[in-house]
C-alpha atoms as a PDB file:
ATOM      1  CA  MET A   1     -39.561-110.830 -30.155  1.00  0.00           C
ATOM      2  CA  GLN A   2     -40.566-111.543 -33.895  1.00  0.00           C
ATOM      3  CA  ASP A   3     -44.010-112.709 -32.256  1.00  0.00           C
ATOM      4  CA  ILE A   4     -44.454-109.460 -30.936  1.00  0.00           C
ATOM      5  CA  PHE A   5     -43.595-107.500 -34.023  1.00  0.00           C
ATOM      6  CA  MET A   6     -46.052-109.707 -36.061  1.00  0.00           C
ATOM      7  CA  GLU A   7     -48.803-108.988 -33.761  1.00  0.00           C
ATOM      8  CA  LEU A   8     -48.275-105.118 -33.483  1.00  0.00           C
ATOM      9  CA  GLY A   9     -47.741-105.111 -37.088  1.00  0.00           C
ATOM     10  CA  THR A  10     -44.935-103.959 -39.505  1.00  0.00           C
ATOM     11  CA  VAL A  11     -42.705-100.635 -38.057  1.00  0.00           C
ATOM     12  CA  GLN A  12     -41.742 -98.330 -40.571  1.00  0.00           C
ATOM     13  CA  GLU A  13     -38.266 -96.409 -39.769  1.00  0.00           C
ATOM     14  CA  LYS A  14     -38.194 -93.032 -40.923  1.00  0.00           C
ATOM     15  CA  GLU A  15     -34.618 -91.490 -41.511  1.00  0.00           C
ATOM     16  CA  VAL A  16     -33.939 -88.053 -40.133  1.00  0.00           C
ATOM     17  CA  ASP A  17     -30.397 -86.134 -40.613  1.00  0.00           C
ATOM     18  CA  ILE A  18     -30.111 -84.190 -37.778  1.00  0.00           C
ATOM     19  CA  GLN A  19     -27.448 -82.043 -39.189  1.00  0.00           C
ATOM     20  CA  SER A  20     -30.121 -80.812 -41.709  1.00  0.00           C
ATOM     21  CA  GLU A  21     -33.356 -81.260 -39.791  1.00  0.00           C
ATOM     22  CA  LEU A  22     -32.606 -80.252 -36.408  1.00  0.00           C
ATOM     23  CA  GLY A  23     -34.960 -77.525 -35.254  1.00  0.00           C
ATOM     24  CA  LYS A  24     -37.316 -78.223 -38.106  1.00  0.00           C
ATOM     25  CA  ILE A  25     -38.832 -81.005 -37.340  1.00  0.00           C
ATOM     26  CA  GLY A  26     -42.722 -80.653 -36.191  1.00  0.00           C
ATOM     27  CA  THR A  27     -42.565 -76.745 -37.034  1.00  0.00           C
ATOM     28  CA  GLU A  28     -45.699 -75.649 -38.702  1.00  0.00           C
ATOM     29  CA  ILE A  29     -46.356 -72.266 -40.116  1.00  0.00           C
ATOM     30  CA  HIS A  30     -50.226 -70.964 -40.490  1.00  0.00           C
ATOM     31  CA  LYS A  31     -51.130 -67.944 -42.497  1.00  0.00           C
ATOM     32  CA  PHE A  32     -54.405 -66.675 -42.804  1.00  0.00           C
ATOM     33  CA  GLU A  33     -55.892 -63.647 -44.599  1.00  0.00           C
ATOM     34  CA  CYS A  34     -58.890 -61.375 -43.131  1.00  0.00           C
ATOM     35  CA  TYR A  35     -60.608 -59.294 -45.260  1.00  0.00           C
ATOM     36  CA  LEU A  36     -64.188 -57.566 -45.672  1.00  0.00           C
ATOM     37  CA  TYR A  37     -66.674 -58.379 -48.388  1.00  0.00           C
ATOM     38  CA  THR A  38     -70.373 -58.543 -49.158  1.00  0.00           C
ATOM     39  CA  PRO A  39     -72.399 -61.102 -50.621  1.00  0.00           C
ATOM     40  CA  GLU A  40     -73.791 -58.641 -53.222  1.00  0.00           C
ATOM     41  CA  TYR A  41     -70.468 -58.613 -54.496  1.00  0.00           C
ATOM     42  CA  GLU A  42     -68.777 -61.855 -54.174  1.00  0.00           C
ATOM     43  CA  LYS A  43     -65.645 -60.868 -56.276  1.00  0.00           C
ATOM     44  CA  TYR A  44     -64.773 -57.730 -54.280  1.00  0.00           C
ATOM     45  CA  ARG A  45     -62.324 -58.223 -51.139  1.00  0.00           C
ATOM     46  CA  TYR A  46     -61.016 -55.697 -48.920  1.00  0.00           C
ATOM     47  CA  ARG A  47     -57.865 -57.138 -47.525  1.00  0.00           C
ATOM     48  CA  MET A  48     -57.537 -55.924 -43.962  1.00  0.00           C
ATOM     49  CA  PHE A  49     -54.389 -57.759 -42.520  1.00  0.00           C
ATOM     50  CA  PHE A  50     -52.326 -61.218 -42.616  1.00  0.00           C
ATOM     51  CA  VAL A  51     -51.718 -63.273 -39.880  1.00  0.00           C
ATOM     52  CA  LYS A  52     -48.670 -65.441 -39.688  1.00  0.00           C
ATOM     53  CA  TYR A  53     -48.045 -68.111 -36.788  1.00  0.00           C
ATOM     54  CA  ASP A  54     -46.553 -71.198 -35.957  1.00  0.00           C
ATOM     55  CA  VAL A  55     -47.261 -74.382 -33.430  1.00  0.00           C
ATOM     56  CA  SER A  56     -46.841 -71.804 -30.117  1.00  0.00           C
ATOM     57  CA  ASN A  57     -49.465 -69.265 -31.667  1.00  0.00           C
ATOM     58  CA  TYR A  58     -46.992 -66.412 -30.412  1.00  0.00           C
ATOM     59  CA  PRO A  59     -45.257 -64.526 -31.305  1.00  0.00           C
ATOM     60  CA  ALA A  60     -47.686 -63.979 -34.359  1.00  0.00           C
ATOM     61  CA  THR A  61     -46.729 -61.423 -37.176  1.00  0.00           C
ATOM     62  CA  VAL A  62     -49.506 -59.304 -38.908  1.00  0.00           C
ATOM     63  CA  VAL A  63     -49.013 -57.645 -42.259  1.00  0.00           C
ATOM     64  CA  LEU A  64     -51.601 -54.746 -42.023  1.00  0.00           C
ATOM     65  CA  GLU A  65     -53.007 -53.177 -45.392  1.00  0.00           C
ATOM     66  CA  GLU A  66     -51.033 -49.886 -45.764  1.00  0.00           C
ATOM     67  CA  SER A  67     -53.873 -47.387 -45.362  1.00  0.00           C
ATOM     68  CA  ILE A  68     -55.056 -49.366 -42.501  1.00  0.00           C
ATOM     69  CA  ALA A  69     -51.658 -49.298 -40.624  1.00  0.00           C
ATOM     70  CA  LYS A  70     -51.480 -45.123 -41.207  1.00  0.00           C
ATOM     71  CA  SER A  71     -54.699 -44.960 -39.874  1.00  0.00           C
ATOM     72  CA  ILE A  72     -54.494 -46.620 -36.724  1.00  0.00           C
ATOM     73  CA  SER A  73     -50.389 -45.323 -36.205  1.00  0.00           C
ATOM     74  CA  GLY A  74     -51.162 -41.960 -37.403  1.00  0.00           C
ATOM     75  CA  THR A  75     -47.526 -41.886 -38.849  1.00  0.00           C
ATOM     76  CA  ASN A  76     -45.594 -44.180 -41.212  1.00  0.00           C
ATOM     77  CA  SER A  77     -44.251 -46.134 -38.593  1.00  0.00           C
ATOM     78  CA  GLY A  78     -44.595 -49.474 -40.590  1.00  0.00           C
ATOM     79  CA  TYR A  79     -47.229 -52.101 -41.226  1.00  0.00           C
ATOM     80  CA  VAL A  80     -45.990 -55.018 -40.030  1.00  0.00           C
ATOM     81  CA  TYR A  81     -46.612 -55.915 -36.038  1.00  0.00           C
ATOM     82  CA  THR A  82     -45.205 -58.697 -33.999  1.00  0.00           C
ATOM     83  CA  CYS A  83     -47.861 -59.649 -31.160  1.00  0.00           C
ATOM     84  CA  ASN A  84     -46.072 -61.451 -28.544  1.00  0.00           C
ATOM     85  CA  THR A  85     -49.343 -62.390 -26.056  1.00  0.00           C
ATOM     86  CA  ARG A  86     -53.119 -62.864 -27.119  1.00  0.00           C
ATOM     87  CA  ASP A  87     -53.969 -59.455 -25.230  1.00  0.00           C
ATOM     88  CA  GLU A  88     -51.915 -57.770 -28.093  1.00  0.00           C
ATOM     89  CA  LEU A  89     -52.954 -59.550 -31.043  1.00  0.00           C
ATOM     90  CA  GLU A  90     -56.649 -58.824 -29.799  1.00  0.00           C
ATOM     91  CA  GLU A  91     -55.390 -55.031 -29.302  1.00  0.00           C
ATOM     92  CA  LEU A  92     -54.585 -54.773 -32.259  1.00  0.00           C
ATOM     93  CA  ILE A  93     -57.319 -56.502 -34.019  1.00  0.00           C
ATOM     94  CA  VAL A  94     -59.575 -54.058 -32.200  1.00  0.00           C
ATOM     95  CA  SER A  95     -57.612 -50.959 -33.273  1.00  0.00           C
ATOM     96  CA  VAL A  96     -57.799 -51.970 -37.073  1.00  0.00           C
ATOM     97  CA  LEU A  97     -61.641 -52.878 -36.979  1.00  0.00           C
ATOM     98  CA  THR A  98     -62.585 -49.587 -35.203  1.00  0.00           C
ATOM     99  CA  SER A  99     -59.977 -47.429 -37.371  1.00  0.00           C
ATOM    100  CA  LYS A 100     -61.110 -44.754 -39.301  1.00  0.00           C
ATOM    101  CA  ARG A 101     -59.943 -46.514 -42.602  1.00  0.00           C
ATOM    102  CA  MET A 102     -61.878 -49.677 -41.898  1.00  0.00           C
ATOM    103  CA  ILE A 103     -65.129 -47.576 -40.971  1.00  0.00           C
ATOM    104  CA  LYS A 104     -65.148 -45.679 -44.194  1.00  0.00           C
ATOM    105  CA  VAL A 105     -64.914 -48.961 -46.234  1.00  0.00           C
ATOM    106  CA  MET A 106     -67.634 -50.509 -44.047  1.00  0.00           C
ATOM    107  CA  GLN A 107     -69.902 -47.836 -44.598  1.00  0.00           C
ATOM    108  CA  GLU A 108     -69.026 -47.476 -48.478  1.00  0.00           C
ATOM    109  CA  LEU A 109     -69.755 -51.531 -48.620  1.00  0.00           C
ATOM    110  CA  ILE A 110     -72.998 -50.667 -46.966  1.00  0.00           C
ATOM    111  CA  ARG A 111     -73.637 -48.382 -49.258  1.00  0.00           C
ATOM    112  CA  VAL A 112     -72.746 -50.206 -52.033  1.00  0.00           C
ATOM    113  CA  ASN A 113     -74.600 -53.313 -50.640  1.00  0.00           C
ATOM    114  CA  GLN A 114     -78.033 -51.316 -50.433  1.00  0.00           C
ATOM    115  CA  ALA A 115     -77.650 -49.507 -53.735  1.00  0.00           C
ATOM    116  CA  LYS A 116     -77.813 -52.609 -55.716  1.00  0.00           C
ATOM    117  CA  LYS A 117     -80.840 -53.824 -53.805  1.00  0.00           C
ATOM    118  CA  MET A 118     -82.593 -50.263 -54.223  1.00  0.00           C
ATOM    119  CA  SER A 119     -81.688 -50.784 -58.123  1.00  0.00           C
ATOM    120  CA  GLU A 120     -82.890 -54.522 -58.227  1.00  0.00           C
ATOM    121  CA  LYS A 121     -86.364 -53.520 -56.487  1.00  0.00           C
ATOM    122  CA  LYS A 122     -86.929 -50.927 -59.206  1.00  0.00           C
ATOM    123  CA  GLU A 123     -85.905 -53.528 -62.041  1.00  0.00           C
ATOM    124  CA  GLU A 124     -88.553 -55.763 -60.181  1.00  0.00           C
ATOM    125  CA  ALA A 125     -91.285 -53.043 -59.810  1.00  0.00           C
ATOM    126  CA  ASN A 126     -90.856 -51.907 -63.723  1.00  0.00           C
ATOM    127  CA  VAL A 127     -91.349 -55.858 -64.725  1.00  0.00           C
ATOM    128  CA  ASP A 128     -94.581 -56.000 -62.658  1.00  0.00           C
ATOM    129  CA  VAL A 129     -95.899 -52.886 -64.382  1.00  0.00           C
ATOM    130  CA  GLU A 130     -95.377 -53.831 -67.573  1.00  0.00           C
END
């Protein structure tokens, strides 16, 4: 038997106190932030929501930015959603991205981005004239 252990290498044992670790072993929590930004303003980020899920993926908890939550629900019904299936999560994300609030934010980011590019072109034109 000792020859087998020598061939396989050393075996490391891990002690686990099942009274305090039971149900926690192998649990992983994943958290992600979803935001909009424009490359012209790298420091600006408009946070849309956070998503949190574990190894089983569902249920996923989505915490929306407050004005987005009001935009999609129309009331103050809350900004924390629990999605039990992929379909529910996709439906929520589509409603976030097509909400009036997000459309306003995207339009403003496009406007600001275009204004900065126009300003840079005018500066280049002024430098060329001189």
